[in-house]
Amino acid sequence: MNNEKILELQNVSYWYNSSKRILDNINLNFCTGKIYAITGASGSGKTTLMSLLGGLDMPREGSILYRGSNINKIGYEKYRKECVSFVFQNYNLINYMTSLENVMLTAKSSPLPFLQEVGISEDEAKRNVLKLSGGQQQRVAIARAIAAETPIILADEPTGNLDEKTSNEIVHLLCEQAHKKSKCVIVVTHSNSIAATADQTYEIIDGAIKSVE
């Protein structure tokens, strides 16, 4: 397993239109070949951290480095396109398209193998995504993230709408991307089972982040 440092937060702080810092002077490293869980109470800053890691927002203070280069210098659009893929709680699929068409939006090669990799059959791949179960739709969303062939996958509450059995299957797929494909997988979650499965769990409390053993 290749554990190369790929993302680094250096003295990162973030606040909204108030004096309270939702993230306060965060220093953190993420490596390839590992799955990370980010936990914390609602409103603690988990999704804010995910937005910063994904280049969807900029830190108020500090820097975020991708393989040693500030993502500000890489360019946020280039970073989002080439370095990170997202998996969301509500799937964010285009609902008038089939699974194949959704994955084709990011795939650099045939989309079907990526769908089959996550357990979507060829017949299911040709269906409109609204005719699939929630678990199947999340599999399609993961296939879309995999197909982009980025080294980082960011998942925001990916099992929040799923039953326990399906949730465990989704977690297994994300773990495989980290451990077998040497991706860096970062999951924001309230799920204790995801936190227990992750290689490293962090908790955000009062703007600070701590390692959870």
C-alpha atoms as a PDB file:
ATOM      1  CA  MET A   1       0.000   0.000   0.000  1.00  0.00           C
ATOM      2  CA  ASN A   2       1.396   3.375  -1.020  1.00  0.00           C
ATOM      3  CA  ASN A   3       1.036   5.876   1.843  1.00  0.00           C
ATOM      4  CA  GLU A   4       2.157   9.143   0.296  1.00  0.00           C
ATOM      5  CA  LYS A   5       1.193  12.447   1.908  1.00  0.00           C
ATOM      6  CA  ILE A   6      -1.228  14.015  -0.544  1.00  0.00           C
ATOM      7  CA  LEU A   7      -3.149  16.721   1.343  1.00  0.00           C
ATOM      8  CA  GLU A   8      -1.899  19.012   4.064  1.00  0.00           C
ATOM      9  CA  LEU A   9      -3.667  21.719   6.047  1.00  0.00           C
ATOM     10  CA  GLN A  10      -1.335  24.353   7.450  1.00  0.00           C
ATOM     11  CA  ASN A  11      -2.762  26.670  10.127  1.00  0.00           C
ATOM     12  CA  VAL A  12      -6.186  26.664   8.459  1.00  0.00           C
ATOM     13  CA  SER A  13      -8.929  28.788  10.006  1.00  0.00           C
ATOM     14  CA  TYR A  14     -12.446  29.533   8.785  1.00  0.00           C
ATOM     15  CA  TRP A  15     -15.289  31.675  10.049  1.00  0.00           C
ATOM     16  CA  TYR A  16     -18.567  33.001   8.705  1.00  0.00           C
ATOM     17  CA  ASN A  17     -19.990  36.446   9.415  1.00  0.00           C
ATOM     18  CA  SER A  18     -19.148  36.359  13.090  1.00  0.00           C
ATOM     19  CA  SER A  19     -16.138  36.384  15.352  1.00  0.00           C
ATOM     20  CA  LYS A  20     -16.458  32.666  16.211  1.00  0.00           C
ATOM     21  CA  ARG A  21     -14.054  30.482  14.272  1.00  0.00           C
ATOM     22  CA  ILE A  22     -15.728  27.295  13.061  1.00  0.00           C
ATOM     23  CA  LEU A  23     -12.239  25.949  12.284  1.00  0.00           C
ATOM     24  CA  ASP A  24      -9.352  27.365  14.282  1.00  0.00           C
ATOM     25  CA  ASN A  25      -5.717  26.918  13.256  1.00  0.00           C
ATOM     26  CA  ILE A  26      -6.068  23.356  11.911  1.00  0.00           C
ATOM     27  CA  ASN A  27      -2.917  21.396  11.017  1.00  0.00           C
ATOM     28  CA  LEU A  28      -3.589  18.015   9.451  1.00  0.00           C
ATOM     29  CA  ASN A  29      -2.150  15.568   6.910  1.00  0.00           C
ATOM     30  CA  PHE A  30      -3.913  13.015   4.701  1.00  0.00           C
ATOM     31  CA  CYS A  31      -2.184  10.159   2.851  1.00  0.00           C
ATOM     32  CA  THR A  32      -3.003   7.913  -0.078  1.00  0.00           C
ATOM     33  CA  GLY A  33      -3.989   4.324   0.648  1.00  0.00           C
ATOM     34  CA  LYS A  34      -6.059   5.285   3.682  1.00  0.00           C
ATOM     35  CA  ILE A  35      -9.688   6.003   4.531  1.00  0.00           C
ATOM     36  CA  TYR A  36     -10.348   8.799   7.025  1.00  0.00           C
ATOM     37  CA  ALA A  37     -13.498   9.583   8.987  1.00  0.00           C
ATOM     38  CA  ILE A  38     -14.295  13.151  10.076  1.00  0.00           C
ATOM     39  CA  THR A  39     -16.820  13.246  12.917  1.00  0.00           C
ATOM     40  CA  GLY A  40     -18.364  15.892  15.140  1.00  0.00           C
ATOM     41  CA  ALA A  41     -21.673  17.330  16.245  1.00  0.00           C
ATOM     42  CA  SER A  42     -24.013  19.012  13.754  1.00  0.00           C
ATOM     43  CA  GLY A  43     -22.680  22.482  13.003  1.00  0.00           C
ATOM     44  CA  SER A  44     -19.185  21.625  14.220  1.00  0.00           C
ATOM     45  CA  GLY A  45     -17.560  22.372  10.865  1.00  0.00           C
ATOM     46  CA  LYS A  46     -17.364  18.939   9.204  1.00  0.00           C
ATOM     47  CA  THR A  47     -18.960  20.034   5.931  1.00  0.00           C
ATOM     48  CA  THR A  48     -16.963  23.282   5.985  1.00  0.00           C
ATOM     49  CA  LEU A  49     -13.770  21.230   6.242  1.00  0.00           C
ATOM     50  CA  MET A  50     -14.939  19.050   3.339  1.00  0.00           C
ATOM     51  CA  SER A  51     -15.620  22.152   1.216  1.00  0.00           C
ATOM     52  CA  LEU A  52     -12.116  23.427   1.915  1.00  0.00           C
ATOM     53  CA  LEU A  53     -10.495  20.072   1.124  1.00  0.00           C
ATOM     54  CA  GLY A  54     -12.480  19.899  -2.119  1.00  0.00           C
ATOM     55  CA  GLY A  55     -11.562  23.385  -3.254  1.00  0.00           C
ATOM     56  CA  LEU A  56     -15.190  24.528  -3.087  1.00  0.00           C
ATOM     57  CA  ASP A  57     -14.248  27.277  -0.624  1.00  0.00           C
ATOM     58  CA  MET A  58     -11.074  29.021   0.496  1.00  0.00           C
ATOM     59  CA  PRO A  59      -9.617  29.213   4.009  1.00  0.00           C
ATOM     60  CA  ARG A  60      -9.849  32.594   5.725  1.00  0.00           C
ATOM     61  CA  GLU A  61      -6.354  31.956   7.032  1.00  0.00           C
ATOM     62  CA  GLY A  62      -3.719  29.324   6.325  1.00  0.00           C
ATOM     63  CA  SER A  63      -3.001  27.083   3.348  1.00  0.00           C
ATOM     64  CA  ILE A  64      -4.118  23.782   1.851  1.00  0.00           C
ATOM     65  CA  LEU A  65      -1.414  21.917  -0.039  1.00  0.00           C
ATOM     66  CA  TYR A  66      -1.892  19.195  -2.637  1.00  0.00           C
ATOM     67  CA  ARG A  67       1.325  17.177  -3.008  1.00  0.00           C
ATOM     68  CA  GLY A  68       3.227  20.146  -1.630  1.00  0.00           C
ATOM     69  CA  SER A  69       1.641  22.836  -3.811  1.00  0.00           C
ATOM     70  CA  ASN A  70      -0.894  25.351  -2.558  1.00  0.00           C
ATOM     71  CA  ILE A  71      -4.216  24.596  -4.262  1.00  0.00           C
ATOM     72  CA  ASN A  72      -4.635  28.338  -4.647  1.00  0.00           C
ATOM     73  CA  LYS A  73      -1.636  28.284  -7.018  1.00  0.00           C
ATOM     74  CA  ILE A  74      -2.769  25.089  -8.764  1.00  0.00           C
ATOM     75  CA  GLY A  75      -6.084  26.842  -9.455  1.00  0.00           C
ATOM     76  CA  TYR A  76      -9.332  25.788  -7.820  1.00  0.00           C
ATOM     77  CA  GLU A  77     -11.053  24.750 -11.035  1.00  0.00           C
ATOM     78  CA  LYS A  78      -8.081  22.648 -12.151  1.00  0.00           C
ATOM     79  CA  TYR A  79      -7.794  21.128  -8.667  1.00  0.00           C
ATOM     80  CA  ARG A  80     -11.491  20.185  -8.544  1.00  0.00           C
ATOM     81  CA  LYS A  81     -11.374  18.682 -12.025  1.00  0.00           C
ATOM     82  CA  GLU A  82      -8.151  16.686 -11.774  1.00  0.00           C
ATOM     83  CA  CYS A  83      -7.529  15.951  -8.100  1.00  0.00           C
ATOM     84  CA  VAL A  84     -10.790  15.363  -6.211  1.00  0.00           C
ATOM     85  CA  SER A  85     -14.116  13.596  -6.707  1.00  0.00           C
ATOM     86  CA  PHE A  86     -17.207  13.933  -4.531  1.00  0.00           C
ATOM     87  CA  VAL A  87     -19.835  11.525  -3.192  1.00  0.00           C
ATOM     88  CA  PHE A  88     -22.836  13.177  -1.521  1.00  0.00           C
ATOM     89  CA  GLN A  89     -25.555  12.007   0.861  1.00  0.00           C
ATOM     90  CA  ASN A  90     -28.259  12.786  -1.715  1.00  0.00           C
ATOM     91  CA  TYR A  91     -26.289  11.180  -4.573  1.00  0.00           C
ATOM     92  CA  ASN A  92     -26.414  14.345  -6.789  1.00  0.00           C
ATOM     93  CA  LEU A  93     -27.107  12.289  -9.897  1.00  0.00           C
ATOM     94  CA  ILE A  94     -28.718  13.862 -12.953  1.00  0.00           C
ATOM     95  CA  ASN A  95     -32.168  12.348 -12.641  1.00  0.00           C
ATOM     96  CA  TYR A  96     -33.191  12.356 -16.301  1.00  0.00           C
ATOM     97  CA  MET A  97     -30.137  10.282 -17.245  1.00  0.00           C
ATOM     98  CA  THR A  98     -29.295   6.595 -16.989  1.00  0.00           C
ATOM     99  CA  SER A  99     -26.519   5.295 -14.744  1.00  0.00           C
ATOM    100  CA  LEU A 100     -24.276   4.941 -17.780  1.00  0.00           C
ATOM    101  CA  GLU A 101     -24.905   8.543 -18.824  1.00  0.00           C
ATOM    102  CA  ASN A 102     -24.200   9.837 -15.308  1.00  0.00           C
ATOM    103  CA  VAL A 103     -20.879   8.014 -15.078  1.00  0.00           C
ATOM    104  CA  MET A 104     -19.991   9.007 -18.639  1.00  0.00           C
ATOM    105  CA  LEU A 105     -19.844  12.623 -17.419  1.00  0.00           C
ATOM    106  CA  THR A 106     -16.577  11.920 -15.589  1.00  0.00           C
ATOM    107  CA  ALA A 107     -15.237   8.742 -17.208  1.00  0.00           C
ATOM    108  CA  LYS A 108     -12.132   8.854 -19.360  1.00  0.00           C
ATOM    109  CA  SER A 109     -12.974   5.405 -20.721  1.00  0.00           C
ATOM    110  CA  SER A 110     -16.045   3.138 -20.977  1.00  0.00           C
ATOM    111  CA  PRO A 111     -18.326   3.778 -17.952  1.00  0.00           C
ATOM    112  CA  LEU A 112     -19.727   0.239 -17.701  1.00  0.00           C
ATOM    113  CA  PRO A 113     -16.702  -1.381 -15.973  1.00  0.00           C
ATOM    114  CA  PHE A 114     -16.831   1.259 -13.227  1.00  0.00           C
ATOM    115  CA  LEU A 115     -20.510   0.507 -12.629  1.00  0.00           C
ATOM    116  CA  GLN A 116     -19.886  -3.231 -12.609  1.00  0.00           C
ATOM    117  CA  GLU A 117     -17.053  -2.696 -10.129  1.00  0.00           C
ATOM    118  CA  VAL A 118     -19.566  -1.302  -7.616  1.00  0.00           C
ATOM    119  CA  GLY A 119     -22.171  -4.004  -8.274  1.00  0.00           C
ATOM    120  CA  ILE A 120     -24.407  -2.374 -10.897  1.00  0.00           C
ATOM    121  CA  SER A 121     -25.345  -4.810 -13.664  1.00  0.00           C
ATOM    122  CA  GLU A 122     -25.391  -3.910 -17.352  1.00  0.00           C
ATOM    123  CA  ASP A 123     -29.199  -3.980 -17.307  1.00  0.00           C
ATOM    124  CA  GLU A 124     -29.338  -1.672 -14.266  1.00  0.00           C
ATOM    125  CA  ALA A 125     -26.782   0.620 -15.866  1.00  0.00           C
ATOM    126  CA  LYS A 126     -29.176   1.304 -18.747  1.00  0.00           C
ATOM    127  CA  ARG A 127     -32.050   2.304 -16.457  1.00  0.00           C
ATOM    128  CA  ASN A 128     -32.958   5.837 -15.494  1.00  0.00           C
ATOM    129  CA  VAL A 129     -31.360   6.442 -12.103  1.00  0.00           C
ATOM    130  CA  LEU A 130     -34.745   7.217 -10.503  1.00  0.00           C
ATOM    131  CA  LYS A 131     -35.745   3.600 -11.173  1.00  0.00           C
ATOM    132  CA  LEU A 132     -32.924   2.381  -8.912  1.00  0.00           C
ATOM    133  CA  SER A 133     -32.993   1.980  -5.133  1.00  0.00           C
ATOM    134  CA  GLY A 134     -31.217   4.488  -2.882  1.00  0.00           C
ATOM    135  CA  GLY A 135     -28.364   2.054  -2.371  1.00  0.00           C
ATOM    136  CA  GLN A 136     -28.010   1.512  -6.105  1.00  0.00           C
ATOM    137  CA  GLN A 137     -28.036   5.259  -6.733  1.00  0.00           C
ATOM    138  CA  GLN A 138     -25.244   5.718  -4.202  1.00  0.00           C
ATOM    139  CA  ARG A 139     -23.280   2.976  -5.967  1.00  0.00           C
ATOM    140  CA  VAL A 140     -23.700   4.920  -9.216  1.00  0.00           C
ATOM    141  CA  ALA A 141     -22.452   8.051  -7.443  1.00  0.00           C
ATOM    142  CA  ILE A 142     -19.383   6.145  -6.237  1.00  0.00           C
ATOM    143  CA  ALA A 143     -18.809   4.750  -9.740  1.00  0.00           C
ATOM    144  CA  ARG A 144     -18.919   8.302 -11.073  1.00  0.00           C
ATOM    145  CA  ALA A 145     -16.298   9.358  -8.515  1.00  0.00           C
ATOM    146  CA  ILE A 146     -14.104   6.352  -9.337  1.00  0.00           C
ATOM    147  CA  ALA A 147     -14.437   6.944 -13.082  1.00  0.00           C
ATOM    148  CA  ALA A 148     -12.940  10.412 -12.741  1.00  0.00           C
ATOM    149  CA  GLU A 149      -9.698   8.656 -11.748  1.00  0.00           C
ATOM    150  CA  THR A 150      -8.748  11.316  -9.209  1.00  0.00           C
ATOM    151  CA  PRO A 151      -6.446  10.390  -6.319  1.00  0.00           C
ATOM    152  CA  ILE A 152      -8.801  11.843  -3.677  1.00  0.00           C
ATOM    153  CA  ILE A 153     -12.429  10.902  -2.984  1.00  0.00           C
ATOM    154  CA  LEU A 154     -14.422  13.118  -0.602  1.00  0.00           C
ATOM    155  CA  ALA A 155     -17.662  11.623   0.717  1.00  0.00           C
ATOM    156  CA  ASP A 156     -20.128  13.759   2.686  1.00  0.00           C
ATOM    157  CA  GLU A 157     -22.458  11.534   4.772  1.00  0.00           C
ATOM    158  CA  PRO A 158     -22.521   8.885   1.987  1.00  0.00           C
ATOM    159  CA  THR A 159     -24.616   6.441   4.032  1.00  0.00           C
ATOM    160  CA  GLY A 160     -26.944   8.969   5.661  1.00  0.00           C
ATOM    161  CA  ASN A 161     -30.002   7.874   3.664  1.00  0.00           C
ATOM    162  CA  LEU A 162     -29.302   4.125   3.613  1.00  0.00           C
ATOM    163  CA  ASP A 163     -30.159   1.127   5.765  1.00  0.00           C
ATOM    164  CA  GLU A 164     -27.448  -0.575   7.805  1.00  0.00           C
ATOM    165  CA  LYS A 165     -26.767  -3.446   5.389  1.00  0.00           C
ATOM    166  CA  THR A 166     -26.489  -1.133   2.380  1.00  0.00           C
ATOM    167  CA  SER A 167     -24.420   1.317   4.418  1.00  0.00           C
ATOM    168  CA  ASN A 168     -21.914  -1.411   5.237  1.00  0.00           C
ATOM    169  CA  GLU A 169     -21.659  -2.315   1.542  1.00  0.00           C
ATOM    170  CA  ILE A 170     -21.023   1.325   0.613  1.00  0.00           C
ATOM    171  CA  VAL A 171     -18.335   1.622   3.298  1.00  0.00           C
ATOM    172  CA  HIS A 172     -16.708  -1.550   1.955  1.00  0.00           C
ATOM    173  CA  LEU A 173     -16.585  -0.017  -1.550  1.00  0.00           C
ATOM    174  CA  LEU A 174     -14.948   3.148  -0.222  1.00  0.00           C
ATOM    175  CA  CYS A 175     -12.421   1.108   1.790  1.00  0.00           C
ATOM    176  CA  GLU A 176     -11.516  -0.828  -1.353  1.00  0.00           C
ATOM    177  CA  GLN A 177     -10.765   2.417  -3.172  1.00  0.00           C
ATOM    178  CA  ALA A 178      -8.328   3.362  -0.411  1.00  0.00           C
ATOM    179  CA  HIS A 179      -6.701   0.013   0.257  1.00  0.00           C
ATOM    180  CA  LYS A 180      -6.690  -1.594  -3.199  1.00  0.00           C
ATOM    181  CA  LYS A 181      -6.485   1.484  -5.435  1.00  0.00           C
ATOM    182  CA  SER A 182      -4.291   3.617  -3.135  1.00  0.00           C
ATOM    183  CA  LYS A 183      -6.748   6.508  -3.114  1.00  0.00           C
ATOM    184  CA  CYS A 184      -7.095   8.972  -0.278  1.00  0.00           C
ATOM    185  CA  VAL A 185     -10.704   8.635   0.888  1.00  0.00           C
ATOM    186  CA  ILE A 186     -12.087  11.178   3.369  1.00  0.00           C
ATOM    187  CA  VAL A 187     -15.584  10.639   4.760  1.00  0.00           C
ATOM    188  CA  VAL A 188     -17.634  13.103   6.800  1.00  0.00           C
ATOM    189  CA  THR A 189     -19.999  11.028   8.901  1.00  0.00           C
ATOM    190  CA  HIS A 190     -22.193  10.626  11.962  1.00  0.00           C
ATOM    191  CA  SER A 191     -21.912   6.843  11.601  1.00  0.00           C
ATOM    192  CA  ASN A 192     -20.073   4.981  14.346  1.00  0.00           C
ATOM    193  CA  SER A 193     -19.559   2.015  12.020  1.00  0.00           C
ATOM    194  CA  ILE A 194     -17.746   4.151   9.439  1.00  0.00           C
ATOM    195  CA  ALA A 195     -15.623   5.698  12.169  1.00  0.00           C
ATOM    196  CA  ALA A 196     -14.768   2.212  13.444  1.00  0.00           C
ATOM    197  CA  THR A 197     -13.859   1.015   9.934  1.00  0.00           C
ATOM    198  CA  ALA A 198     -11.676   3.991   9.005  1.00  0.00           C
ATOM    199  CA  ASP A 199      -7.903   3.835   9.241  1.00  0.00           C
ATOM    200  CA  GLN A 200      -7.943   7.166  11.072  1.00  0.00           C
ATOM    201  CA  THR A 201     -10.806   9.063  12.707  1.00  0.00           C
ATOM    202  CA  TYR A 202     -10.784  12.759  13.603  1.00  0.00           C
ATOM    203  CA  GLU A 203     -13.353  14.701  15.611  1.00  0.00           C
ATOM    204  CA  ILE A 204     -14.027  18.423  15.334  1.00  0.00           C
ATOM    205  CA  ILE A 205     -14.797  20.050  18.687  1.00  0.00           C
ATOM    206  CA  ASP A 206     -15.043  23.827  19.225  1.00  0.00           C
ATOM    207  CA  GLY A 207     -13.038  24.631  16.111  1.00  0.00           C
ATOM    208  CA  ALA A 208     -10.215  22.218  16.918  1.00  0.00           C
ATOM    209  CA  ILE A 209      -9.648  18.762  15.471  1.00  0.00           C
ATOM    210  CA  LYS A 210      -8.390  15.806  17.457  1.00  0.00           C
ATOM    211  CA  SER A 211      -7.440  12.233  16.641  1.00  0.00           C
ATOM    212  CA  VAL A 212      -9.842   9.567  17.945  1.00  0.00           C
ATOM    213  CA  GLU A 213      -8.275   6.297  19.020  1.00  0.00           C
END
